[in-house]
Amino acid sequence: MDVLYFAWVRERIGLGRERVETTAVTVADLVAELSAREERYALAFADLKSLRVALDQDLAEFSAPLAGVREVAFFPPMTGG
């Protein structure tokens, strides 16, 4: 699946997107796999309350299943004016 990183998440990880082969069942499982890779991932995912996730461009929860998902995007909460 494609994993996209936006804003400060991208800055901490050093990538805007990557292709990931995973056995993760949920978004939370994917986060755990990514966090275990390297410290830069662990730092980016250290506080999940400060992150949002979208699956195939639809907002989702970290408990959401990944079955059939082609794209996962991580980004900070957005504020509008």
N, C-alpha and C. Protein backbone atom coordinates (compact mmCIF):
# COMPACT_ATOMS: atom_id res chain seq x y z
N MET A 1 0.84 -1.18 0.00
CA MET A 1 0.00 0.00 0.00
C MET A 1 0.88 1.24 0.00
N ASP A 2 0.33 2.34 -0.44
CA ASP A 2 1.04 3.61 -0.39
C ASP A 2 0.75 4.28 0.94
N VAL A 3 1.80 4.79 1.57
CA VAL A 3 1.65 5.53 2.82
C VAL A 3 2.15 6.95 2.57
N LEU A 4 1.30 7.93 2.85
CA LEU A 4 1.62 9.33 2.62
C LEU A 4 1.77 10.04 3.96
N TYR A 5 2.73 10.97 4.00
CA TYR A 5 2.98 11.75 5.21
C TYR A 5 2.90 13.23 4.85
N PHE A 6 2.21 14.01 5.68
CA PHE A 6 2.04 15.43 5.40
C PHE A 6 2.53 16.29 6.56
N ALA A 7 2.89 17.52 6.23
CA ALA A 7 3.28 18.55 7.22
C ALA A 7 4.44 18.07 8.08
N TRP A 8 4.35 18.24 9.40
CA TRP A 8 5.49 17.91 10.27
C TRP A 8 5.74 16.40 10.33
N VAL A 9 4.75 15.59 9.98
CA VAL A 9 4.97 14.14 9.94
C VAL A 9 5.99 13.84 8.84
N ARG A 10 5.81 14.45 7.68
CA ARG A 10 6.75 14.30 6.57
C ARG A 10 8.13 14.80 6.96
N GLU A 11 8.18 15.92 7.65
CA GLU A 11 9.47 16.48 8.05
C GLU A 11 10.22 15.56 9.01
N ARG A 12 9.52 14.97 9.95
CA ARG A 12 10.17 14.07 10.92
C ARG A 12 10.64 12.77 10.28
N ILE A 13 9.83 12.24 9.37
CA ILE A 13 10.20 10.97 8.73
C ILE A 13 11.17 11.19 7.59
N GLY A 14 11.06 12.32 6.92
CA GLY A 14 11.97 12.62 5.82
C GLY A 14 11.49 12.11 4.47
N LEU A 15 10.23 11.71 4.41
CA LEU A 15 9.62 11.22 3.16
C LEU A 15 8.21 11.78 3.03
N GLY A 16 7.79 11.99 1.81
CA GLY A 16 6.42 12.40 1.57
C GLY A 16 5.51 11.22 1.32
N ARG A 17 6.10 10.13 0.79
CA ARG A 17 5.32 8.93 0.53
C ARG A 17 6.26 7.76 0.38
N GLU A 18 5.73 6.57 0.64
CA GLU A 18 6.50 5.35 0.43
C GLU A 18 5.55 4.20 0.21
N ARG A 19 6.06 3.18 -0.43
CA ARG A 19 5.30 1.95 -0.65
C ARG A 19 5.65 1.00 0.49
N VAL A 20 4.64 0.46 1.17
CA VAL A 20 4.86 -0.38 2.34
C VAL A 20 4.20 -1.74 2.14
N GLU A 21 4.96 -2.78 2.37
CA GLU A 21 4.41 -4.14 2.45
C GLU A 21 4.18 -4.40 3.92
N THR A 22 2.98 -4.78 4.30
CA THR A 22 2.66 -4.91 5.71
C THR A 22 1.75 -6.10 5.97
N THR A 23 1.82 -6.60 7.18
CA THR A 23 0.89 -7.62 7.64
C THR A 23 -0.09 -7.01 8.64
N ALA A 24 -0.06 -5.71 8.80
CA ALA A 24 -0.91 -5.00 9.76
C ALA A 24 -2.38 -5.22 9.42
N VAL A 25 -3.19 -5.40 10.46
CA VAL A 25 -4.62 -5.59 10.30
C VAL A 25 -5.36 -4.27 10.44
N THR A 26 -4.85 -3.40 11.32
CA THR A 26 -5.48 -2.10 11.56
C THR A 26 -4.45 -0.99 11.35
N VAL A 27 -4.93 0.23 11.33
CA VAL A 27 -4.03 1.38 11.24
C VAL A 27 -3.07 1.39 12.42
N ALA A 28 -3.58 1.10 13.61
CA ALA A 28 -2.73 1.07 14.81
C ALA A 28 -1.61 0.04 14.66
N ASP A 29 -1.91 -1.10 14.06
CA ASP A 29 -0.87 -2.12 13.80
C ASP A 29 0.18 -1.58 12.84
N LEU A 30 -0.26 -0.87 11.82
CA LEU A 30 0.67 -0.27 10.85
C LEU A 30 1.56 0.74 11.54
N VAL A 31 0.98 1.57 12.39
CA VAL A 31 1.76 2.57 13.14
C VAL A 31 2.82 1.86 13.98
N ALA A 32 2.44 0.77 14.63
CA ALA A 32 3.40 0.02 15.46
C ALA A 32 4.54 -0.53 14.60
N GLU A 33 4.22 -1.07 13.43
CA GLU A 33 5.24 -1.58 12.52
C GLU A 33 6.19 -0.47 12.07
N LEU A 34 5.61 0.66 11.67
CA LEU A 34 6.43 1.77 11.21
C LEU A 34 7.29 2.33 12.34
N SER A 35 6.71 2.46 13.52
CA SER A 35 7.44 3.00 14.67
C SER A 35 8.63 2.14 15.04
N ALA A 36 8.52 0.84 14.82
CA ALA A 36 9.60 -0.09 15.16
C ALA A 36 10.75 -0.04 14.15
N ARG A 37 10.55 0.58 12.99
CA ARG A 37 11.58 0.65 11.95
C ARG A 37 12.81 1.43 12.39
N GLU A 38 12.56 2.68 12.77
CA GLU A 38 13.65 3.61 13.09
C GLU A 38 13.13 4.67 14.06
N GLU A 39 14.05 5.37 14.68
CA GLU A 39 13.68 6.41 15.64
C GLU A 39 12.86 7.53 14.99
N ARG A 40 13.16 7.87 13.75
CA ARG A 40 12.43 8.97 13.10
C ARG A 40 10.95 8.64 12.98
N TYR A 41 10.61 7.39 12.72
CA TYR A 41 9.21 6.97 12.67
C TYR A 41 8.60 6.99 14.07
N ALA A 42 9.36 6.47 15.03
CA ALA A 42 8.88 6.45 16.42
C ALA A 42 8.57 7.86 16.89
N LEU A 43 9.41 8.82 16.54
CA LEU A 43 9.18 10.21 16.93
C LEU A 43 7.94 10.78 16.25
N ALA A 44 7.75 10.45 14.98
CA ALA A 44 6.61 10.98 14.24
C ALA A 44 5.29 10.44 14.79
N PHE A 45 5.31 9.19 15.27
CA PHE A 45 4.08 8.56 15.75
C PHE A 45 3.99 8.50 17.28
N ALA A 46 4.81 9.28 17.97
CA ALA A 46 4.87 9.23 19.44
C ALA A 46 3.55 9.66 20.10
N ASP A 47 2.85 10.59 19.50
CA ASP A 47 1.61 11.10 20.11
C ASP A 47 0.48 11.00 19.09
N LEU A 48 -0.23 9.90 19.11
CA LEU A 48 -1.30 9.68 18.12
C LEU A 48 -2.45 10.66 18.27
N LYS A 49 -2.58 11.29 19.43
CA LYS A 49 -3.64 12.29 19.62
C LYS A 49 -3.40 13.52 18.75
N SER A 50 -2.15 13.71 18.33
CA SER A 50 -1.83 14.86 17.49
C SER A 50 -1.81 14.50 16.01
N LEU A 51 -2.34 13.33 15.66
CA LEU A 51 -2.37 12.88 14.27
C LEU A 51 -3.77 12.50 13.83
N ARG A 52 -3.99 12.62 12.55
CA ARG A 52 -5.21 12.13 11.92
C ARG A 52 -4.76 11.16 10.83
N VAL A 53 -5.70 10.30 10.43
CA VAL A 53 -5.40 9.33 9.38
C VAL A 53 -6.56 9.28 8.39
N ALA A 54 -6.23 9.08 7.14
CA ALA A 54 -7.23 8.89 6.10
C ALA A 54 -6.89 7.60 5.35
N LEU A 55 -7.93 6.82 5.08
CA LEU A 55 -7.78 5.59 4.31
C LEU A 55 -8.47 5.79 2.97
N ASP A 56 -7.71 5.68 1.90
CA ASP A 56 -8.24 5.96 0.56
C ASP A 56 -9.00 7.28 0.53
N GLN A 57 -8.43 8.28 1.17
CA GLN A 57 -8.90 9.67 1.20
C GLN A 57 -10.16 9.90 2.02
N ASP A 58 -10.49 8.95 2.91
CA ASP A 58 -11.61 9.13 3.83
C ASP A 58 -11.06 9.11 5.25
N LEU A 59 -11.46 10.09 6.07
CA LEU A 59 -10.99 10.12 7.46
C LEU A 59 -11.37 8.83 8.17
N ALA A 60 -10.45 8.35 9.01
CA ALA A 60 -10.67 7.08 9.71
C ALA A 60 -10.08 7.16 11.11
N GLU A 61 -10.37 6.14 11.89
CA GLU A 61 -9.82 5.99 13.24
C GLU A 61 -8.60 5.07 13.17
N PHE A 62 -7.77 5.12 14.19
CA PHE A 62 -6.60 4.26 14.22
C PHE A 62 -6.98 2.79 14.43
N SER A 63 -8.20 2.54 14.84
CA SER A 63 -8.68 1.17 15.00
C SER A 63 -9.26 0.59 13.70
N ALA A 64 -9.31 1.41 12.65
CA ALA A 64 -9.92 0.98 11.38
C ALA A 64 -9.11 -0.14 10.73
N PRO A 65 -9.82 -1.09 10.11
CA PRO A 65 -9.13 -2.19 9.41
C PRO A 65 -8.49 -1.71 8.11
N LEU A 66 -7.42 -2.39 7.72
CA LEU A 66 -6.69 -2.03 6.50
C LEU A 66 -7.04 -2.92 5.31
N ALA A 67 -7.89 -3.90 5.50
CA ALA A 67 -8.25 -4.82 4.41
C ALA A 67 -8.76 -4.04 3.20
N GLY A 68 -8.14 -4.25 2.06
CA GLY A 68 -8.55 -3.60 0.82
C GLY A 68 -8.11 -2.16 0.65
N VAL A 69 -7.43 -1.60 1.64
CA VAL A 69 -6.99 -0.20 1.57
C VAL A 69 -5.76 -0.09 0.67
N ARG A 70 -5.77 0.90 -0.21
CA ARG A 70 -4.64 1.13 -1.12
C ARG A 70 -3.75 2.28 -0.67
N GLU A 71 -4.34 3.24 0.09
CA GLU A 71 -3.58 4.42 0.49
C GLU A 71 -3.91 4.82 1.92
N VAL A 72 -2.87 5.04 2.71
CA VAL A 72 -3.00 5.52 4.08
C VAL A 72 -2.26 6.85 4.16
N ALA A 73 -2.91 7.86 4.69
CA ALA A 73 -2.29 9.18 4.82
C ALA A 73 -2.31 9.61 6.28
N PHE A 74 -1.16 10.09 6.76
CA PHE A 74 -1.04 10.60 8.13
C PHE A 74 -0.78 12.10 8.06
N PHE A 75 -1.48 12.86 8.90
CA PHE A 75 -1.35 14.32 8.88
C PHE A 75 -1.80 14.89 10.22
N PRO A 76 -1.34 16.10 10.55
CA PRO A 76 -1.82 16.74 11.78
C PRO A 76 -3.24 17.25 11.58
N PRO A 77 -3.95 17.49 12.68
CA PRO A 77 -5.31 18.05 12.56
C PRO A 77 -5.29 19.37 11.83
N MET A 78 -6.30 19.61 11.07
CA MET A 78 -6.40 20.87 10.31
C MET A 78 -7.31 21.83 11.05
N THR A 79 -6.99 23.09 10.97
CA THR A 79 -7.89 24.11 11.50
C THR A 79 -8.22 25.05 10.37
N GLY A 80 -9.38 25.59 10.41
CA GLY A 80 -9.80 26.49 9.35
C GLY A 80 -10.21 27.84 9.91
N GLY A 81 -10.41 28.76 9.01
CA GLY A 81 -10.80 30.07 9.47
C GLY A 81 -11.99 30.58 8.76
